C-alpha atoms as a PDB file:
ATOM      1  CA  MET A   1     110.485 108.115  84.853  1.00  0.00           C
ATOM      2  CA  LEU A   2     107.108 109.027  86.877  1.00  0.00           C
ATOM      3  CA  ILE A   3     106.948 110.449  90.647  1.00  0.00           C
ATOM      4  CA  TYR A   4     104.377 109.891  92.892  1.00  0.00           C
ATOM      5  CA  ILE A   5     103.941 111.960  95.993  1.00  0.00           C
ATOM      6  CA  ASP A   6     101.669 110.802  98.820  1.00  0.00           C
ATOM      7  CA  ILE A   7     101.015 113.496 101.157  1.00  0.00           C
ATOM      8  CA  ASP A   8     101.253 111.954 104.868  1.00  0.00           C
ATOM      9  CA  SER A   9      98.161 111.843 106.726  1.00  0.00           C
ATOM     10  CA  PHE A  10      96.942 114.711 104.459  1.00  0.00           C
ATOM     11  CA  PHE A  11      93.358 115.788 105.881  1.00  0.00           C
ATOM     12  CA  ALA A  12      94.689 115.193 109.699  1.00  0.00           C
ATOM     13  CA  ARG A  13      97.935 117.338 108.989  1.00  0.00           C
ATOM     14  CA  LEU A  14      96.005 120.002 107.786  1.00  0.00           C
ATOM     15  CA  GLU A  15      94.055 120.054 110.581  1.00  0.00           C
ATOM     16  CA  GLU A  16      96.783 120.185 113.056  1.00  0.00           C
ATOM     17  CA  LEU A  17      98.275 123.132 111.032  1.00  0.00           C
ATOM     18  CA  ARG A  18      94.984 124.973 110.861  1.00  0.00           C
ATOM     19  CA  ASN A  19      93.993 124.576 114.485  1.00  0.00           C
ATOM     20  CA  ASN A  20      97.855 124.564 116.062  1.00  0.00           C
ATOM     21  CA  ILE A  21      97.699 120.794 117.074  1.00  0.00           C
ATOM     22  CA  VAL A  22     101.116 119.467 118.031  1.00  0.00           C
ATOM     23  CA  ASN A  23     101.948 115.530 118.800  1.00  0.00           C
ATOM     24  CA  GLU A  24      98.303 114.887 119.666  1.00  0.00           C
ATOM     25  CA  PRO A  25      95.932 112.178 118.148  1.00  0.00           C
ATOM     26  CA  VAL A  26      93.956 113.659 115.297  1.00  0.00           C
ATOM     27  CA  VAL A  27      90.625 111.641 114.010  1.00  0.00           C
ATOM     28  CA  VAL A  28      89.168 113.369 110.743  1.00  0.00           C
ATOM     29  CA  VAL A  29      85.399 111.780 110.148  1.00  0.00           C
ATOM     30  CA  ALA A  30      82.344 112.132 108.023  1.00  0.00           C
ATOM     31  CA  PRO A  31      79.687 112.867 108.223  1.00  0.00           C
ATOM     32  CA  GLY A  32      79.670 114.155 111.957  1.00  0.00           C
ATOM     33  CA  ARG A  33      81.348 113.866 115.346  1.00  0.00           C
ATOM     34  CA  ARG A  34      78.797 111.138 116.919  1.00  0.00           C
ATOM     35  CA  GLY A  35      79.796 108.438 114.313  1.00  0.00           C
ATOM     36  CA  GLY A  36      80.986 107.667 111.001  1.00  0.00           C
ATOM     37  CA  ILE A  37      84.081 105.981 109.396  1.00  0.00           C
ATOM     38  CA  ILE A  38      87.412 107.686 109.965  1.00  0.00           C
ATOM     39  CA  VAL A  39      89.126 108.832 106.882  1.00  0.00           C
ATOM     40  CA  SER A  40      92.252 110.169 108.086  1.00  0.00           C
ATOM     41  CA  VAL A  41      94.630 110.319 111.384  1.00  0.00           C
ATOM     42  CA  ASN A  42      98.098 111.753 111.967  1.00  0.00           C
ATOM     43  CA  GLU A  43     101.242 109.719 113.116  1.00  0.00           C
ATOM     44  CA  ALA A  44     100.504 110.171 117.133  1.00  0.00           C
ATOM     45  CA  ALA A  45      97.131 108.371 116.347  1.00  0.00           C
ATOM     46  CA  LYS A  46      98.628 105.515 114.300  1.00  0.00           C
ATOM     47  CA  LYS A  47     100.786 104.882 117.455  1.00  0.00           C
ATOM     48  CA  GLU A  48      97.803 104.478 119.254  1.00  0.00           C
ATOM     49  CA  GLY A  49      96.612 101.833 117.171  1.00  0.00           C
ATOM     50  CA  ILE A  50      93.842 104.348 115.630  1.00  0.00           C
ATOM     51  CA  ARG A  51      93.671 103.754 111.862  1.00  0.00           C
ATOM     52  CA  PRO A  52      91.480 104.831 108.922  1.00  0.00           C
ATOM     53  CA  GLY A  53      88.618 102.941 108.115  1.00  0.00           C
ATOM     54  CA  MET A  54      87.648 102.242 111.745  1.00  0.00           C
ATOM     55  CA  PHE A  55      84.658 103.222 113.341  1.00  0.00           C
ATOM     56  CA  LEU A  56      84.696 106.425 115.214  1.00  0.00           C
ATOM     57  CA  ASP A  57      82.728 105.129 118.165  1.00  0.00           C
ATOM     58  CA  ARG A  58      85.139 102.454 118.701  1.00  0.00           C
ATOM     59  CA  VAL A  59      88.174 105.078 119.308  1.00  0.00           C
ATOM     60  CA  ARG A  60      86.602 107.676 121.484  1.00  0.00           C
ATOM     61  CA  GLY A  61      88.990 108.395 124.387  1.00  0.00           C
ATOM     62  CA  LYS A  62      90.860 110.867 126.066  1.00  0.00           C
ATOM     63  CA  GLY A  63      93.074 113.416 124.113  1.00  0.00           C
ATOM     64  CA  ILE A  64      91.540 112.512 120.758  1.00  0.00           C
ATOM     65  CA  HIS A  65      90.415 115.630 118.357  1.00  0.00           C
ATOM     66  CA  ILE A  66      87.879 115.010 116.323  1.00  0.00           C
ATOM     67  CA  PHE A  67      87.334 117.336 113.325  1.00  0.00           C
ATOM     68  CA  LEU A  68      84.912 117.512 110.722  1.00  0.00           C
ATOM     69  CA  LEU A  69      85.753 116.553 106.944  1.00  0.00           C
ATOM     70  CA  ASP A  70      86.403 119.914 105.306  1.00  0.00           C
ATOM     71  CA  LYS A  71      86.870 118.678 101.547  1.00  0.00           C
ATOM     72  CA  SER A  72      86.494 122.733 100.430  1.00  0.00           C
ATOM     73  CA  HIS A  73      89.686 123.741 102.404  1.00  0.00           C
ATOM     74  CA  TYR A  74      91.465 120.170 101.624  1.00  0.00           C
ATOM     75  CA  SER A  75      90.564 121.008  97.682  1.00  0.00           C
ATOM     76  CA  SER A  76      91.943 124.394  98.031  1.00  0.00           C
ATOM     77  CA  VAL A  77      95.684 123.107  99.611  1.00  0.00           C
ATOM     78  CA  SER A  78      95.453 120.617  97.205  1.00  0.00           C
ATOM     79  CA  ALA A  79      95.268 123.363  94.661  1.00  0.00           C
ATOM     80  CA  LYS A  80      97.981 125.198  95.643  1.00  0.00           C
ATOM     81  CA  ILE A  81     100.519 122.163  95.831  1.00  0.00           C
ATOM     82  CA  GLU A  82      99.270 121.114  92.520  1.00  0.00           C
ATOM     83  CA  GLU A  83     100.767 124.758  91.447  1.00  0.00           C
ATOM     84  CA  LEU A  84     103.922 124.115  92.838  1.00  0.00           C
ATOM     85  CA  LEU A  85     104.138 120.600  91.035  1.00  0.00           C
ATOM     86  CA  ARG A  86     103.891 122.577  87.714  1.00  0.00           C
ATOM     87  CA  THR A  87     106.908 124.686  88.311  1.00  0.00           C
ATOM     88  CA  TYR A  88     108.686 121.184  87.932  1.00  0.00           C
ATOM     89  CA  SER A  89     106.591 119.167  85.341  1.00  0.00           C
ATOM     90  CA  THR A  90     104.075 120.205  82.765  1.00  0.00           C
ATOM     91  CA  SER A  91     102.410 116.735  83.089  1.00  0.00           C
ATOM     92  CA  ILE A  92     100.550 116.634  86.579  1.00  0.00           C
ATOM     93  CA  GLU A  93      98.031 113.983  87.247  1.00  0.00           C
ATOM     94  CA  ALA A  94      95.946 114.161  90.562  1.00  0.00           C
ATOM     95  CA  ASP A  95      95.156 110.734  92.239  1.00  0.00           C
ATOM     96  CA  GLY A  96      92.919 112.357  94.839  1.00  0.00           C
ATOM     97  CA  LEU A  97      93.385 114.827  97.265  1.00  0.00           C
ATOM     98  CA  GLY A  98      97.038 114.836  98.653  1.00  0.00           C
ATOM     99  CA  HIS A  99      98.275 112.418  95.985  1.00  0.00           C
ATOM    100  CA  TYR A 100      99.911 113.357  92.677  1.00  0.00           C
ATOM    101  CA  PHE A 101     101.612 111.722  89.744  1.00  0.00           C
ATOM    102  CA  LEU A 102     104.148 113.587  87.530  1.00  0.00           C
ATOM    103  CA  GLU A 103     106.958 113.453  85.199  1.00  0.00           C
ATOM    104  CA  GLY A 104     110.616 113.966  86.922  1.00  0.00           C
ATOM    105  CA  ASP A 105     113.638 112.162  88.627  1.00  0.00           C
ATOM    106  CA  ILE A 106     115.512 112.044  91.732  1.00  0.00           C
ATOM    107  CA  GLU A 107     116.416 115.566  91.685  1.00  0.00           C
ATOM    108  CA  ILE A 108     113.485 116.918  90.986  1.00  0.00           C
ATOM    109  CA  ALA A 109     111.889 114.739  93.687  1.00  0.00           C
ATOM    110  CA  ASN A 110     114.295 115.874  95.850  1.00  0.00           C
ATOM    111  CA  LYS A 111     113.530 119.604  95.428  1.00  0.00           C
ATOM    112  CA  ILE A 112     109.624 118.825  95.648  1.00  0.00           C
ATOM    113  CA  LYS A 113     110.441 117.270  98.954  1.00  0.00           C
ATOM    114  CA  GLU A 114     112.072 120.305 100.302  1.00  0.00           C
ATOM    115  CA  GLU A 115     109.473 122.759  98.667  1.00  0.00           C
ATOM    116  CA  LEU A 116     106.569 120.924 100.466  1.00  0.00           C
ATOM    117  CA  TRP A 117     107.856 121.313 103.967  1.00  0.00           C
ATOM    118  CA  ARG A 118     109.253 124.749 103.411  1.00  0.00           C
ATOM    119  CA  LYS A 119     105.870 126.253 101.834  1.00  0.00           C
ATOM    120  CA  PHE A 120     102.987 123.874 103.607  1.00  0.00           C
ATOM    121  CA  LYS A 121     105.053 122.455 106.532  1.00  0.00           C
ATOM    122  CA  ILE A 122     103.962 118.919 105.218  1.00  0.00           C
ATOM    123  CA  THR A 123     105.962 115.445 104.542  1.00  0.00           C
ATOM    124  CA  ALA A 124     105.433 113.269 101.815  1.00  0.00           C
ATOM    125  CA  LYS A 125     106.261 109.489 100.683  1.00  0.00           C
ATOM    126  CA  ILE A 126     107.708 109.813  97.255  1.00  0.00           C
ATOM    127  CA  GLY A 127     108.470 106.814  94.838  1.00  0.00           C
ATOM    128  CA  LEU A 128     109.850 106.605  91.559  1.00  0.00           C
ATOM    129  CA  GLY A 129     108.729 104.296  88.698  1.00  0.00           C
ATOM    130  CA  ASN A 130     108.857 103.521  84.898  1.00  0.00           C
ATOM    131  CA  ASN A 131     105.085 103.324  85.609  1.00  0.00           C
ATOM    132  CA  LYS A 132     102.345 104.411  87.484  1.00  0.00           C
ATOM    133  CA  THR A 133     102.407 101.043  89.591  1.00  0.00           C
ATOM    134  CA  LEU A 134     105.809 100.896  90.499  1.00  0.00           C
ATOM    135  CA  ALA A 135     105.893 104.666  91.081  1.00  0.00           C
ATOM    136  CA  LEU A 136     103.325 104.085  93.558  1.00  0.00           C
ATOM    137  CA  LEU A 137     104.631 100.714  94.965  1.00  0.00           C
ATOM    138  CA  ALA A 138     107.951 102.627  95.891  1.00  0.00           C
ATOM    139  CA  ALA A 139     105.986 105.417  97.625  1.00  0.00           C
ATOM    140  CA  ARG A 140     104.222 102.823  99.627  1.00  0.00           C
ATOM    141  CA  ALA A 141     107.633 100.892 100.492  1.00  0.00           C
ATOM    142  CA  THR A 142     109.154 104.129 101.777  1.00  0.00           C
ATOM    143  CA  SER A 143     108.967 106.180 105.064  1.00  0.00           C
ATOM    144  CA  PRO A 144     107.325 109.606 105.709  1.00  0.00           C
ATOM    145  CA  ALA A 145     109.525 112.291 103.979  1.00  0.00           C
ATOM    146  CA  THR A 146     111.614 109.885 102.111  1.00  0.00           C
ATOM    147  CA  ILE A 147     112.318 108.898  98.656  1.00  0.00           C
ATOM    148  CA  LYS A 148     112.564 105.654  96.996  1.00  0.00           C
ATOM    149  CA  MET A 149     113.072 104.683  93.449  1.00  0.00           C
ATOM    150  CA  ILE A 150     112.244 100.971  92.138  1.00  0.00           C
ATOM    151  CA  ASN A 151     112.876  99.672  88.554  1.00  0.00           C
ATOM    152  CA  SER A 152     110.845  96.343  89.151  1.00  0.00           C
ATOM    153  CA  VAL A 153     108.145  94.740  91.623  1.00  0.00           C
ATOM    154  CA  ASP A 154     110.732  92.237  92.591  1.00  0.00           C
ATOM    155  CA  ASP A 155     112.017  95.083  94.559  1.00  0.00           C
ATOM    156  CA  VAL A 156     109.024  95.748  96.943  1.00  0.00           C
ATOM    157  CA  LEU A 157     107.733  92.062  97.029  1.00  0.00           C
ATOM    158  CA  ASP A 158     108.213  91.830 100.799  1.00  0.00           C
ATOM    159  CA  MET A 159     106.024  94.989 101.395  1.00  0.00           C
ATOM    160  CA  PRO A 160     103.015  93.837 103.784  1.00  0.00           C
ATOM    161  CA  VAL A 161      99.727  93.919 102.052  1.00  0.00           C
ATOM    162  CA  THR A 162      98.486  96.450 104.696  1.00  0.00           C
ATOM    163  CA  ARG A 163     100.587  99.115 102.950  1.00  0.00           C
ATOM    164  CA  LEU A 164      99.121  98.725  99.606  1.00  0.00           C
ATOM    165  CA  PRO A 165      96.785 101.533  98.338  1.00  0.00           C
ATOM    166  CA  ILE A 166      93.320  99.238  98.719  1.00  0.00           C
ATOM    167  CA  ARG A 167      90.509  99.380 100.914  1.00  0.00           C
ATOM    168  CA  PRO A 168      90.629  98.067 104.663  1.00  0.00           C
ATOM    169  CA  LEU A 169      87.881  95.315 104.205  1.00  0.00           C
ATOM    170  CA  MET A 170      89.971  94.155 100.678  1.00  0.00           C
ATOM    171  CA  ILE A 171      93.176  93.895 103.035  1.00  0.00           C
ATOM    172  CA  ASN A 172      91.083  91.907 105.451  1.00  0.00           C
ATOM    173  CA  VAL A 173      90.053  89.401 103.051  1.00  0.00           C
ATOM    174  CA  LEU A 174      93.296  88.949 101.910  1.00  0.00           C
ATOM    175  CA  LEU A 175      94.670  88.254 105.704  1.00  0.00           C
ATOM    176  CA  ASN A 176      92.001  85.838 105.895  1.00  0.00           C
ATOM    177  CA  SER A 177      93.522  83.999 102.810  1.00  0.00           C
ATOM    178  CA  ASN A 178      96.915  84.179 104.482  1.00  0.00           C
ATOM    179  CA  VAL A 179      97.596  86.567 101.943  1.00  0.00           C
ATOM    180  CA  LYS A 180     100.314  88.788 103.925  1.00  0.00           C
ATOM    181  CA  THR A 181     102.680  90.516 101.303  1.00  0.00           C
ATOM    182  CA  LEU A 182     102.684  91.524  97.813  1.00  0.00           C
ATOM    183  CA  ARG A 183     104.633  88.392  97.106  1.00  0.00           C
ATOM    184  CA  ASP A 184     101.872  86.855  98.237  1.00  0.00           C
ATOM    185  CA  LEU A 185      99.453  88.444  96.370  1.00  0.00           C
ATOM    186  CA  ALA A 186     101.359  87.953  92.952  1.00  0.00           C
ATOM    187  CA  SER A 187     101.241  84.175  93.414  1.00  0.00           C
ATOM    188  CA  MET A 188      97.649  84.416  93.631  1.00  0.00           C
ATOM    189  CA  SER A 189      95.908  83.612  90.353  1.00  0.00           C
ATOM    190  CA  TYR A 190      93.504  85.695  88.307  1.00  0.00           C
ATOM    191  CA  SER A 191      90.772  83.102  88.958  1.00  0.00           C
ATOM    192  CA  LYS A 192      91.311  83.143  92.742  1.00  0.00           C
ATOM    193  CA  LEU A 193      91.147  86.959  92.717  1.00  0.00           C
ATOM    194  CA  GLU A 194      88.093  87.283  90.611  1.00  0.00           C
ATOM    195  CA  TYR A 195      86.375  84.721  92.977  1.00  0.00           C
ATOM    196  CA  LEU A 196      87.472  87.024  96.101  1.00  0.00           C
ATOM    197  CA  PHE A 197      86.656  90.332  94.698  1.00  0.00           C
ATOM    198  CA  GLY A 198      85.018  90.306  91.194  1.00  0.00           C
ATOM    199  CA  PRO A 199      86.477  90.966  87.566  1.00  0.00           C
ATOM    200  CA  SER A 200      87.307  94.731  88.470  1.00  0.00           C
ATOM    201  CA  LEU A 201      89.310  94.642  91.474  1.00  0.00           C
ATOM    202  CA  ALA A 202      90.745  91.320  90.516  1.00  0.00           C
ATOM    203  CA  THR A 203      92.342  93.108  87.389  1.00  0.00           C
ATOM    204  CA  SER A 204      93.419  96.239  89.663  1.00  0.00           C
ATOM    205  CA  LEU A 205      95.112  93.707  92.261  1.00  0.00           C
ATOM    206  CA  TYR A 206      96.491  91.503  89.632  1.00  0.00           C
ATOM    207  CA  ASN A 207      98.111  94.514  87.743  1.00  0.00           C
ATOM    208  CA  LEU A 208      99.399  95.956  91.204  1.00  0.00           C
ATOM    209  CA  SER A 209     101.054  92.719  92.400  1.00  0.00           C
ATOM    210  CA  ARG A 210     102.980  92.392  89.235  1.00  0.00           C
ATOM    211  CA  GLY A 211     103.990  96.234  88.509  1.00  0.00           C
ATOM    212  CA  ILE A 212     101.676  96.520  85.752  1.00  0.00           C
ATOM    213  CA  GLY A 213     100.734 100.102  84.904  1.00  0.00           C
ATOM    214  CA  GLU A 214     100.544 103.289  82.309  1.00  0.00           C
ATOM    215  CA  LYS A 215     103.748 104.986  81.565  1.00  0.00           C
ATOM    216  CA  HIS A 216     102.291 107.993  80.373  1.00  0.00           C
ATOM    217  CA  LEU A 217     100.336 110.965  82.181  1.00  0.00           C
ATOM    218  CA  LEU A 218      98.002 113.440  80.693  1.00  0.00           C
ATOM    219  CA  LYS A 219      99.373 116.735  79.813  1.00  0.00           C
ATOM    220  CA  GLU A 220      96.140 118.591  80.985  1.00  0.00           C
ATOM    221  CA  GLU A 221      93.480 117.031  83.085  1.00  0.00           C
ATOM    222  CA  PRO A 222      90.173 117.413  81.312  1.00  0.00           C
ATOM    223  CA  GLY A 223      87.890 116.665  84.274  1.00  0.00           C
ATOM    224  CA  GLU A 224      84.837 115.032  83.073  1.00  0.00           C
ATOM    225  CA  LEU A 225      82.615 116.351  80.090  1.00  0.00           C
ATOM    226  CA  GLY A 226      79.169 114.562  79.267  1.00  0.00           C
ATOM    227  CA  LYS A 227      76.924 115.043  76.057  1.00  0.00           C
ATOM    228  CA  ILE A 228      73.693 113.711  75.655  1.00  0.00           C
ATOM    229  CA  ILE A 229      71.660 113.644  72.539  1.00  0.00           C
ATOM    230  CA  SER A 230      67.952 112.535  72.101  1.00  0.00           C
ATOM    231  CA  LEU A 231      66.786 110.460  69.009  1.00  0.00           C
ATOM    232  CA  LYS A 232      63.554 111.710  67.131  1.00  0.00           C
ATOM    233  CA  ARG A 233      62.021 108.638  67.999  1.00  0.00           C
ATOM    234  CA  PRO A 234      63.412 105.201  69.226  1.00  0.00           C
ATOM    235  CA  THR A 235      65.241 103.354  66.565  1.00  0.00           C
ATOM    236  CA  ARG A 236      67.820 100.642  65.939  1.00  0.00           C
ATOM    237  CA  HIS A 237      68.555 101.833  62.681  1.00  0.00           C
ATOM    238  CA  SER A 238      72.572 101.817  62.584  1.00  0.00           C
ATOM    239  CA  GLY A 239      72.947 104.802  60.097  1.00  0.00           C
ATOM    240  CA  THR A 240      70.596 107.458  62.386  1.00  0.00           C
ATOM    241  CA  ILE A 241      72.419 106.230  65.523  1.00  0.00           C
ATOM    242  CA  GLN A 242      75.950 106.616  63.923  1.00  0.00           C
ATOM    243  CA  ASP A 243      74.956 110.105  62.975  1.00  0.00           C
ATOM    244  CA  ALA A 244      73.943 111.161  66.543  1.00  0.00           C
ATOM    245  CA  LEU A 245      77.395 109.858  67.508  1.00  0.00           C
ATOM    246  CA  THR A 246      79.109 111.624  64.969  1.00  0.00           C
ATOM    247  CA  LYS A 247      77.624 114.709  66.248  1.00  0.00           C
ATOM    248  CA  LEU A 248      78.565 113.966  70.115  1.00  0.00           C
ATOM    249  CA  ILE A 249      82.013 113.164  68.654  1.00  0.00           C
ATOM    250  CA  LYS A 250      82.647 116.309  67.258  1.00  0.00           C
ATOM    251  CA  GLU A 251      81.239 118.473  69.485  1.00  0.00           C
ATOM    252  CA  ILE A 252      83.437 117.077  72.272  1.00  0.00           C
ATOM    253  CA  MET A 253      86.325 117.153  69.900  1.00  0.00           C
ATOM    254  CA  LYS A 254      86.046 121.191  70.030  1.00  0.00           C
ATOM    255  CA  GLU A 255      86.881 120.953  73.357  1.00  0.00           C
ATOM    256  CA  ARG A 256      90.542 120.406  72.161  1.00  0.00           C
ATOM    257  CA  LYS A 257      91.468 118.773  75.619  1.00  0.00           C
ATOM    258  CA  PRO A 258      92.570 115.222  76.290  1.00  0.00           C
ATOM    259  CA  PHE A 259      91.112 112.730  77.636  1.00  0.00           C
ATOM    260  CA  THR A 260      91.721 108.520  78.386  1.00  0.00           C
ATOM    261  CA  LEU A 261      88.658 107.202  78.585  1.00  0.00           C
ATOM    262  CA  THR A 262      85.026 107.226  77.013  1.00  0.00           C
ATOM    263  CA  SER A 263      81.952 105.796  78.097  1.00  0.00           C
ATOM    264  CA  ILE A 264      78.658 105.977  76.123  1.00  0.00           C
ATOM    265  CA  TYR A 265      75.380 105.855  77.743  1.00  0.00           C
ATOM    266  CA  ILE A 266      72.540 103.959  75.827  1.00  0.00           C
ATOM    267  CA  PHE A 267      68.891 104.500  76.413  1.00  0.00           C
ATOM    268  CA  PHE A 268      66.663 101.574  75.520  1.00  0.00           C
ATOM    269  CA  GLU A 269      63.585 103.355  75.853  1.00  0.00           C
ATOM    270  CA  ASP A 270      62.693 103.212  79.661  1.00  0.00           C
ATOM    271  CA  ASN A 271      66.309 101.566  80.532  1.00  0.00           C
ATOM    272  CA  SER A 272      69.568 103.003  80.204  1.00  0.00           C
ATOM    273  CA  PHE A 273      72.805 101.184  80.342  1.00  0.00           C
ATOM    274  CA  SER A 274      76.694 102.737  80.124  1.00  0.00           C
ATOM    275  CA  PHE A 275      79.295 100.914  78.434  1.00  0.00           C
ATOM    276  CA  ALA A 276      83.212 101.813  79.220  1.00  0.00           C
ATOM    277  CA  SER A 277      86.345 101.817  76.991  1.00  0.00           C
ATOM    278  CA  LYS A 278      89.313 100.079  78.283  1.00  0.00           C
ATOM    279  CA  GLU A 279      91.746 102.352  76.214  1.00  0.00           C
ATOM    280  CA  HIS A 280      93.693 104.445  78.255  1.00  0.00           C
ATOM    281  CA  GLU A 281      96.121 106.361  75.799  1.00  0.00           C
ATOM    282  CA  PRO A 282      95.306 109.945  75.109  1.00  0.00           C
ATOM    283  CA  MET A 283      92.262 110.143  72.401  1.00  0.00           C
ATOM    284  CA  LEU A 284      93.581 113.186  70.348  1.00  0.00           C
ATOM    285  CA  ASP A 285      92.348 112.007  66.911  1.00  0.00           C
ATOM    286  CA  GLU A 286      88.884 111.967  65.893  1.00  0.00           C
ATOM    287  CA  LYS A 287      89.516 108.601  63.514  1.00  0.00           C
ATOM    288  CA  ARG A 288      90.638 106.857  67.082  1.00  0.00           C
ATOM    289  CA  PHE A 289      87.988 108.438  69.007  1.00  0.00           C
ATOM    290  CA  SER A 290      85.175 106.934  66.781  1.00  0.00           C
ATOM    291  CA  ALA A 291      86.497 103.679  66.443  1.00  0.00           C
ATOM    292  CA  VAL A 292      86.506 103.282  70.384  1.00  0.00           C
ATOM    293  CA  VAL A 293      83.095 104.795  70.357  1.00  0.00           C
ATOM    294  CA  ASN A 294      81.755 102.270  67.897  1.00  0.00           C
ATOM    295  CA  GLU A 295      82.913  99.353  69.334  1.00  0.00           C
ATOM    296  CA  LEU A 296      81.352 100.442  72.398  1.00  0.00           C
ATOM    297  CA  LEU A 297      77.971 100.894  70.365  1.00  0.00           C
ATOM    298  CA  LYS A 298      78.547  97.228  69.114  1.00  0.00           C
ATOM    299  CA  LYS A 299      78.496  96.172  72.818  1.00  0.00           C
ATOM    300  CA  ALA A 300      75.206  97.900  73.450  1.00  0.00           C
ATOM    301  CA  LEU A 301      73.134  96.889  70.504  1.00  0.00           C
ATOM    302  CA  LEU A 302      74.313  92.851  71.472  1.00  0.00           C
ATOM    303  CA  ASN A 303      73.170  93.358  75.157  1.00  0.00           C
ATOM    304  CA  SER A 304      69.666  94.460  74.247  1.00  0.00           C
ATOM    305  CA  ASN A 305      67.236  93.933  71.160  1.00  0.00           C
ATOM    306  CA  LYS A 306      65.076  97.417  72.472  1.00  0.00           C
ATOM    307  CA  GLU A 307      65.019 100.266  70.458  1.00  0.00           C
ATOM    308  CA  ILE A 308      67.230 103.374  71.277  1.00  0.00           C
ATOM    309  CA  SER A 309      66.021 106.668  72.462  1.00  0.00           C
ATOM    310  CA  LYS A 310      68.475 108.762  73.703  1.00  0.00           C
ATOM    311  CA  ILE A 311      72.578 108.290  73.462  1.00  0.00           C
ATOM    312  CA  GLY A 312      75.237 109.918  75.214  1.00  0.00           C
ATOM    313  CA  ILE A 313      79.202 110.318  75.707  1.00  0.00           C
ATOM    314  CA  PHE A 314      81.277 110.904  78.674  1.00  0.00           C
ATOM    315  CA  ILE A 315      84.634 111.463  78.936  1.00  0.00           C
ATOM    316  CA  GLY A 316      87.442 112.135  81.406  1.00  0.00           C
ATOM    317  CA  SER A 317      90.412 110.809  83.414  1.00  0.00           C
ATOM    318  CA  PHE A 318      90.723 107.141  84.256  1.00  0.00           C
ATOM    319  CA  LYS A 319      90.280 108.206  87.981  1.00  0.00           C
ATOM    320  CA  GLY A 320      87.274 110.504  87.387  1.00  0.00           C
ATOM    321  CA  LEU A 321      85.144 107.632  86.308  1.00  0.00           C
ATOM    322  CA  LYS A 322      82.493 106.364  88.460  1.00  0.00           C
ATOM    323  CA  GLN A 323      83.377 102.350  89.705  1.00  0.00           C
ATOM    324  CA  SER A 324      79.716 101.754  88.147  1.00  0.00           C
ATOM    325  CA  TYR A 325      80.962 102.598  84.854  1.00  0.00           C
ATOM    326  CA  LEU A 326      83.987 100.450  85.248  1.00  0.00           C
ATOM    327  CA  ASN A 327      82.366  97.495  86.131  1.00  0.00           C
ATOM    328  CA  SER A 328      80.279  97.727  83.144  1.00  0.00           C
ATOM    329  CA  THR A 329      83.631  96.549  80.798  1.00  0.00           C
END
């Protein structure tokens, strides 16, 4: 069973605690106080109709406290929370600051809820499910400081799309298409989703609405690692390119860290492209790693007839990859 922890209004709550603010709207913005997009608000602000994604200029008023985004502070507290979570599970995967996956059961979830309040004075929506998507949906379907476990996406089909973990702009597109609940979203075809959002986001929404998700977490978060090698001269000779890839693979395997996704960079003379794998299982085996990389190489060679001057490999957790890489699949 997987647990998903969604700290309530994480950035805003940390500013409340740091500045001793009680029961007043809090707005955290970037890049400054004179404008920008709101990224976090507290419960009092939500009651006033203030939401993340709104422009700061539109919500100025009496009693609103505006704080600059302080990722250094938020990251420091997040690291301490992860230390706490590791006392309950060896498998932890951060899903951004204030959001975490871990392995556990309802008993562990209750203990974590109590510890988060006792040690940090923060509450969280906590969900449990048989995969990441179900655990996340369970958390989104519950209220602050509560725990919900679901066995199927059917348990939460009445959830409003406004509570889904997607960007405000996407929510607006769905609402304008008369998609108001998760049930409505599940009734949409993939082709319709692709028309509205493009292939990458369509796949994410399709899987989300059907409760499709990964069932395993990494035992260790590898961060990101990239290695690039220059060829002696531009070439399309498969043996030369393969030798370079083999060398890179062996260097990466020496790190002995698990990872779930591989991208390769292909530099065609003055142009470069990246190709991302869709394989999500931990690649601890060199043979499996090589097979995935070689498939990406074939894709690269089919997309250009130019000679290759450099080649590189990027590895990291699935969440760590930039959207531009994902869009290339």
